[in-house]
Protein backbone atom coordinates (compact mmCIF):
# COMPACT_ATOMS: atom_id res chain seq x y z
CA MET A 1 -12.88 11.97 8.95
CA ASN A 2 -12.19 8.61 9.89
CA THR A 3 -8.85 8.85 11.84
CA PRO A 4 -7.63 5.67 14.39
CA SER A 5 -9.43 6.24 17.26
CA LEU A 6 -7.99 4.38 20.47
CA ARG A 7 -9.10 5.84 23.40
CA HIS A 8 -10.43 2.92 24.75
CA ALA A 9 -7.07 1.65 25.46
CA ALA A 10 -7.06 -1.32 27.80
CA LEU A 11 -6.14 -1.09 31.52
CA THR A 12 -2.85 -3.31 31.07
CA VAL A 13 -1.61 -1.18 27.72
CA ALA A 14 -2.17 1.71 30.25
CA THR A 15 -0.07 0.05 33.14
CA VAL A 16 2.68 -0.53 30.80
CA VAL A 17 2.59 3.62 29.70
CA LEU A 18 2.46 4.22 32.80
CA THR A 19 5.74 2.04 33.99
CA ALA A 20 7.70 2.87 30.96
CA CYS A 21 7.42 6.11 32.08
CA GLY A 22 9.34 5.40 35.19
CA GLY A 23 6.90 6.84 37.73
CA GLY A 24 7.21 3.75 39.91
CA ALA A 25 3.70 2.69 42.17
CA GLN A 26 1.16 4.63 40.97
CA PRO A 27 -3.15 4.20 41.81
CA GLN A 28 -4.72 2.53 38.55
CA PRO A 29 -7.56 4.63 37.43
CA SER A 30 -10.74 2.58 36.87
CA ALA A 31 -11.63 0.94 33.61
CA ALA A 32 -14.15 3.70 33.21
CA GLU A 33 -11.86 6.44 33.75
CA ASN A 34 -9.09 4.63 31.24
CA ALA A 35 -11.54 5.08 28.62
CA THR A 36 -12.07 8.59 28.80
CA GLN A 37 -8.45 9.66 30.23
CA ASN A 38 -6.35 7.83 27.96
CA LEU A 39 -5.06 8.11 23.90
CA GLN A 40 -2.78 6.21 21.66
CA ILE A 41 -1.95 8.49 18.33
CA ASN A 42 -0.76 6.59 15.71
CA GLY A 43 1.81 8.36 13.39
CA ALA A 44 4.14 7.67 10.52
CA GLY A 45 6.38 9.10 7.91
CA ALA A 46 10.06 10.24 7.66
CA THR A 47 13.01 8.44 8.86
CA PHE A 48 14.90 11.72 9.07
CA PRO A 49 13.09 13.35 12.57
CA TYR A 50 13.17 9.78 13.73
CA PRO A 51 15.48 10.13 16.82
CA ILE A 52 14.49 13.71 17.88
CA TYR A 53 10.50 11.92 17.22
CA SER A 54 11.46 9.34 19.47
CA LYS A 55 12.64 11.66 22.23
CA TRP A 56 10.32 14.37 22.00
CA PHE A 57 7.67 11.74 22.38
CA SER A 58 8.85 9.89 25.23
CA GLU A 59 9.92 13.51 26.89
CA TYR A 60 5.92 14.49 26.48
CA ASN A 61 4.32 10.88 27.82
CA LYS A 62 6.40 11.94 30.71
CA LEU A 63 4.46 14.93 31.65
CA HIS A 64 1.31 13.29 29.85
CA PRO A 65 1.59 9.58 31.07
CA ASN A 66 -2.20 9.43 29.31
CA VAL A 67 -1.14 10.44 25.96
CA ARG A 68 1.12 7.77 23.99
CA ILE A 69 2.44 8.78 20.81
CA ASN A 70 3.42 5.81 18.13
CA TYR A 71 5.41 6.84 15.26
CA GLN A 72 6.55 4.45 12.67
CA SER A 73 9.66 5.55 10.72
CA ILE A 74 8.34 4.38 7.10
CA GLY A 75 10.19 6.99 4.85
CA SER A 76 7.85 10.23 4.21
CA GLY A 77 6.38 8.33 0.56
CA GLY A 78 4.76 6.41 3.24
CA GLY A 79 3.73 8.22 5.45
CA ILE A 80 1.90 10.95 3.72
CA ARG A 81 0.09 7.52 1.98
CA GLN A 82 -0.98 6.56 5.27
CA LEU A 83 -2.11 10.04 6.45
CA LEU A 84 -4.30 10.29 3.02
CA ASN A 85 -5.91 6.97 3.26
CA GLN A 86 -6.39 8.11 7.20
CA THR A 87 -4.79 5.14 8.75
CA VAL A 88 -3.14 7.56 10.98
CA PHE A 89 -3.53 10.20 12.78
CA PHE A 90 -0.23 12.22 11.29
CA GLY A 91 1.62 12.02 8.58
CA ALA A 92 5.44 13.35 9.03
CA THR A 93 7.84 14.20 5.85
CA ASP A 94 10.61 15.83 4.79
CA GLY A 95 9.35 16.66 0.96
CA PRO A 96 6.43 19.25 1.43
CA MET A 97 3.02 17.65 -0.41
CA ALA A 98 3.03 18.03 -4.24
CA ASP A 99 -0.31 20.26 -4.81
CA GLU A 100 -2.15 17.00 -6.06
CA GLN A 101 -1.42 15.18 -3.30
CA LEU A 102 -3.12 18.19 -1.30
CA LYS A 103 -6.03 18.29 -3.36
CA SER A 104 -6.68 14.38 -2.98
CA ALA A 105 -7.23 14.63 0.71
CA PRO A 106 -10.02 14.35 2.20
CA GLY A 107 -9.88 17.74 4.17
CA PRO A 108 -7.77 20.67 4.16
CA ILE A 109 -3.49 19.62 5.74
CA LEU A 110 -0.99 21.62 8.05
CA HIS A 111 2.67 21.44 7.04
CA LEU A 112 4.02 22.09 10.24
CA PRO A 113 7.90 22.53 10.43
CA THR A 114 8.91 20.72 13.41
CA VAL A 115 13.21 20.41 12.80
CA LEU A 116 15.96 21.34 10.77
CA GLY A 117 18.33 19.27 9.18
CA ALA A 118 20.73 18.11 6.59
CA VAL A 119 21.87 15.53 3.79
CA VAL A 120 24.94 14.18 3.89
CA PRO A 121 26.95 12.22 1.40
CA VAL A 122 28.79 10.09 3.08
CA TYR A 123 31.38 7.40 1.81
CA ASN A 124 33.46 4.42 1.39
CA VAL A 125 37.10 4.58 0.05
CA PRO A 126 39.41 2.16 1.64
CA GLY A 127 42.53 4.12 2.02
CA VAL A 128 41.40 7.42 2.06
CA THR A 129 41.16 9.36 5.05
CA ALA A 130 40.90 12.46 4.75
CA GLU A 131 37.48 13.98 4.51
CA LEU A 132 36.70 14.62 0.63
CA LYS A 133 35.21 17.03 -0.78
CA PHE A 134 32.28 18.06 -3.02
CA THR A 135 30.48 20.18 -5.11
CA GLY A 136 26.70 19.34 -6.23
CA PRO A 137 27.79 18.88 -10.42
CA VAL A 138 30.12 16.14 -9.05
CA LEU A 139 27.76 14.74 -6.91
CA ALA A 140 24.50 15.02 -10.03
CA ASP A 141 27.13 13.79 -12.10
CA MET A 142 28.09 10.29 -10.17
CA TYR A 143 24.71 10.16 -9.70
CA LEU A 144 23.90 10.20 -13.24
CA GLY A 145 26.51 7.19 -14.01
CA GLU A 146 28.68 9.93 -15.70
CA VAL A 147 31.39 10.21 -13.07
CA LYS A 148 32.28 6.43 -12.36
CA LYS A 149 36.03 6.21 -10.92
CA TRP A 150 37.29 7.49 -7.54
CA ASN A 151 39.90 8.98 -9.32
CA ASP A 152 38.35 10.93 -11.59
CA PRO A 153 39.55 14.41 -12.57
CA ALA A 154 36.36 15.52 -11.22
CA ILE A 155 36.52 14.38 -8.16
CA ALA A 156 40.66 15.08 -7.58
CA LYS A 157 40.47 18.58 -9.12
CA LEU A 158 38.37 19.05 -5.51
CA ASN A 159 40.93 16.94 -3.38
CA PRO A 160 44.37 17.84 -4.11
CA GLY A 161 46.46 16.17 -2.37
CA VAL A 162 44.27 13.22 -1.45
CA LYS A 163 45.10 9.79 -3.35
CA LEU A 164 42.27 8.16 -4.61
CA PRO A 165 41.54 4.82 -5.79
CA ALA A 166 41.37 4.08 -9.35
CA SER A 167 38.42 1.71 -8.32
CA ASP A 168 34.60 1.87 -9.63
CA ILE A 169 32.28 3.96 -7.55
CA THR A 170 29.21 1.87 -6.05
CA ILE A 171 26.09 4.91 -5.74
CA VAL A 172 23.54 3.51 -3.24
CA HIS A 173 20.35 5.15 -3.18
CA ARG A 174 17.31 5.08 -0.92
CA SER A 175 14.82 2.32 -2.67
CA ASP A 176 12.02 3.31 -0.58
CA GLY A 177 9.93 6.93 -0.98
CA SER A 178 11.91 9.03 0.91
CA GLY A 179 11.99 13.04 1.80
CA THR A 180 15.76 12.20 2.42
CA THR A 181 16.19 11.94 -1.27
CA TYR A 182 13.68 14.57 -1.86
CA ILE A 183 15.94 17.03 0.07
CA PHE A 184 18.83 15.56 -2.16
CA VAL A 185 17.45 15.74 -5.30
CA ASP A 186 15.89 18.95 -5.08
CA TYR A 187 19.32 20.10 -4.35
CA LEU A 188 21.18 18.48 -7.45
CA SER A 189 18.24 19.22 -9.52
CA LYS A 190 19.28 23.06 -8.38
CA VAL A 191 22.40 22.70 -9.62
CA SER A 192 22.21 20.16 -12.07
CA PRO A 193 20.09 21.01 -15.22
CA GLU A 194 20.90 17.24 -16.61
CA PHE A 195 20.24 15.68 -13.43
CA LYS A 196 16.85 17.45 -13.36
CA THR A 197 15.97 16.67 -16.24
CA THR A 198 16.63 13.01 -16.37
CA VAL A 199 15.93 12.14 -12.71
CA GLY A 200 13.54 15.47 -11.43
CA VAL A 201 12.44 15.72 -8.04
CA ASN A 202 10.29 13.50 -5.79
CA THR A 203 10.30 11.57 -2.08
CA SER A 204 10.31 8.81 -5.20
CA VAL A 205 13.04 8.68 -8.57
CA ASN A 206 14.21 6.60 -11.41
CA TRP A 207 18.16 6.52 -10.66
CA PRO A 208 20.00 5.88 -13.33
CA VAL A 209 22.29 3.45 -11.60
CA GLY A 210 22.94 2.43 -8.70
CA VAL A 211 21.48 -0.11 -5.37
CA GLY A 212 18.33 0.81 -3.16
CA GLY A 213 18.85 0.72 0.58
CA LYS A 214 15.79 0.58 2.59
CA GLY A 215 15.71 4.07 5.13
CA ASN A 216 18.66 5.89 5.96
CA GLU A 217 20.16 2.79 8.39
CA GLY A 218 19.46 0.63 5.44
CA VAL A 219 22.09 3.32 2.88
CA THR A 220 24.32 3.56 5.95
CA GLY A 221 24.74 -0.08 6.34
CA LEU A 222 25.30 -0.86 2.73
CA VAL A 223 28.02 2.24 1.97
CA SER A 224 29.94 1.03 5.18
CA GLN A 225 29.47 -2.59 3.97
CA SER A 226 30.86 -1.48 0.70
CA PRO A 227 34.05 -0.46 -0.15
CA GLY A 228 34.07 2.76 -3.03
CA SER A 229 30.44 3.19 -1.93
CA VAL A 230 28.81 6.64 -1.75
CA GLY A 231 25.41 7.35 -0.29
CA TYR A 232 23.15 10.08 0.82
CA VAL A 233 21.88 10.27 4.89
CA GLU A 234 20.69 12.11 7.71
CA LEU A 235 23.58 13.84 9.10
CA ILE A 236 22.63 12.37 12.63
CA TYR A 237 22.96 8.86 11.41
CA ALA A 238 26.43 9.40 10.02
CA LEU A 239 27.23 10.83 13.38
CA GLN A 240 25.55 7.99 14.83
CA THR A 241 27.72 5.01 12.61
CA LYS A 242 30.55 7.21 12.64
CA ILE A 243 30.77 7.21 8.66
CA GLY A 244 32.56 9.72 7.07
CA PHE A 245 31.20 12.34 4.82
CA GLY A 246 31.97 14.91 3.23
CA ASP A 247 32.06 18.83 3.02
CA VAL A 248 29.80 20.19 0.13
CA GLN A 249 30.18 23.33 -1.85
CA ASN A 250 27.31 26.31 -1.36
CA ALA A 251 26.18 28.88 -3.28
CA ALA A 252 29.06 31.25 -1.84
CA GLY A 253 31.92 28.90 -3.28
CA GLU A 254 33.18 27.82 0.57
CA PHE A 255 33.37 24.19 1.34
CA VAL A 256 31.24 23.40 4.26
CA LYS A 257 30.55 20.62 6.69
CA ALA A 258 27.25 20.45 8.00
CA SER A 259 26.40 21.04 11.62
CA VAL A 260 23.62 22.64 13.45
CA ASP A 261 25.61 26.01 12.86
CA SER A 262 25.52 25.44 8.83
CA VAL A 263 21.65 24.65 8.58
CA THR A 264 21.06 27.47 10.76
CA ARG A 265 22.31 29.62 8.53
CA ALA A 266 20.64 28.51 5.93
CA ALA A 267 17.22 28.92 6.68
CA ALA A 268 17.86 31.74 8.05
CA ALA A 269 17.08 33.70 4.89
CA ALA A 270 14.12 31.81 4.23
CA SER A 271 12.50 32.28 7.53
CA ALA A 272 12.24 35.30 6.02
CA ASN A 273 10.52 34.74 3.15
CA MET A 274 8.09 31.76 4.91
CA PRO A 275 5.70 31.36 2.74
CA ALA A 276 2.14 30.62 4.51
CA ASP A 277 2.06 26.98 3.90
CA PHE A 278 4.89 26.57 5.06
CA ARG A 279 6.35 24.39 2.18
CA VAL A 280 9.60 26.15 1.52
CA SER A 281 13.11 24.31 0.23
CA ILE A 282 16.07 25.97 1.48
CA THR A 283 18.95 23.78 -0.50
CA ASN A 284 21.44 25.27 -1.72
CA ALA A 285 20.74 28.48 0.25
CA GLU A 286 22.63 31.86 -0.24
CA GLY A 287 25.08 32.99 2.82
CA ALA A 288 28.02 32.79 4.11
CA GLY A 289 28.47 29.44 5.77
CA SER A 290 25.73 27.73 4.81
CA TYR A 291 25.49 23.91 4.70
CA PRO A 292 23.31 23.32 1.22
CA ILE A 293 21.68 20.44 1.25
CA SER A 294 19.51 21.48 4.36
CA SER A 295 15.92 21.44 4.88
CA PHE A 296 12.43 21.70 7.53
CA THR A 297 10.81 18.27 8.11
CA TRP A 298 7.79 18.49 8.63
CA ILE A 299 4.64 17.13 10.44
CA LEU A 300 0.94 16.47 8.65
CA LEU A 301 -2.80 17.50 10.55
CA TYR A 302 -5.94 17.62 9.08
CA GLU A 303 -6.93 20.73 10.09
CA ASN A 304 -10.40 19.13 10.71
CA PRO A 305 -10.09 15.67 12.18
CA THR A 306 -12.95 13.34 13.43
CA ASP A 307 -11.36 12.51 16.41
CA LYS A 308 -11.42 15.86 18.81
CA ALA A 309 -9.50 14.04 21.85
CA ALA A 310 -6.48 13.18 19.77
CA ALA A 311 -6.73 16.48 17.97
CA LYS A 312 -6.67 18.38 20.74
CA ALA A 313 -3.77 16.34 22.32
CA MET A 314 -1.37 16.75 19.40
CA VAL A 315 -2.09 20.40 19.17
CA ASP A 316 -0.92 20.52 22.74
CA PHE A 317 2.11 18.13 22.03
CA MET A 318 2.74 20.84 18.98
CA HIS A 319 2.83 24.28 21.28
CA TRP A 320 5.19 21.85 23.67
CA ALA A 321 7.75 20.69 20.86
CA LEU A 322 7.89 24.15 19.46
CA SER A 323 8.74 25.25 22.61
CA ASP A 324 10.62 23.48 25.58
CA GLY A 325 10.79 20.55 22.72
CA GLN A 326 13.41 22.16 20.61
CA LYS A 327 16.16 22.08 23.72
CA TYR A 328 17.56 18.69 22.24
CA CYS A 329 17.25 19.48 18.87
CA ALA A 330 21.60 20.40 19.53
CA ASP A 331 21.95 16.80 21.39
CA LEU A 332 20.89 14.29 18.16
CA GLY A 333 22.41 16.43 15.06
CA TYR A 334 19.45 18.63 14.29
CA ALA A 335 18.83 22.81 14.46
CA PRO A 336 16.28 24.67 16.58
CA LEU A 337 13.36 26.76 14.36
CA PRO A 338 14.16 30.18 14.01
CA ASP A 339 12.25 32.22 17.04
CA SER A 340 10.42 33.83 13.74
CA VAL A 341 9.08 30.84 12.58
CA VAL A 342 7.76 29.37 15.73
CA LYS A 343 5.95 32.14 16.09
CA LEU A 344 3.97 31.67 12.65
CA GLU A 345 3.53 28.32 13.65
CA GLU A 346 1.67 28.94 17.05
CA ALA A 347 -0.87 30.97 14.66
CA ALA A 348 -1.35 28.54 12.18
CA LEU A 349 -2.14 25.44 14.87
CA GLN A 350 -5.13 27.75 15.67
CA LYS A 351 -6.65 26.37 12.44
CA ILE A 352 -6.89 22.79 13.38
CA LYS A 353 -10.73 22.06 15.40
CA VAL A 354 -9.98 20.28 18.69
CA SER A 355 -13.54 21.07 19.29
């Protein structure tokens, strides 16, 4: 496989990496040593896990200054395309690759869950300070263009006592191929037969109404700047921007706010029935206290990559991410993986040929 191999990094690049690690003055390797010791690994994909991946790659670089992992958050669709085109060593996605995509790949690809997160409905409704409540069917009807006003009886019934304006609802969605979209539409398709038939499930769909923003950042920005709007973003972006987001009714009939605990509860049932390829959906999960728009996010790796040095380093990184790396999850709004899933992944990593 013709994956990027940047083992022949220049001495100047190595100097920048070492300095960035905060190690101060350190002896510099010779050019010959540099060619064999320094490694740059490129990846691209989902914006959903970008905050935790950035933290992980930085922390791992401090432990292994000779390994630099670069990641571009271009959306899950873009990450899958670049992996299939072999222009990056690894991809990242919030929506599992389809069977057709896997068949079109030049070699077997592993889906490796890294953390758990949530997608939340964010809104900007002037004059409303209360935390709004939504059901899946109502969100589906909003995104189908059938619920058009904020004081629509369907919304008002869920939010008694809240004075909702008669203003139009501006729908905001992702403009790029996105795992965040996949998670959102996967959930809506489970709770609304009309949505499943009209829109369906994919990382990129044909929306009946609304305006698009690129990335979680773009959607958050549009909602923040557009009175009367509603959108969907990853939990961490809502928390970082302090934008309002609503509670969503789960399969047990409870209105649940997204949190590390409620996402963990959603994963509990799924982890007991994890498929061998790790491609699983946990939206609309059963169980008390579970948040219904939750998901794993995955790193994608070829089982038999050409660049064995990069493969060995990436496998070592994954072992670290699945153990020590999990402690960074909660502070960034993610839920750590269940221990049972970690054990399965540790075994799956042995499939990657590093020599």
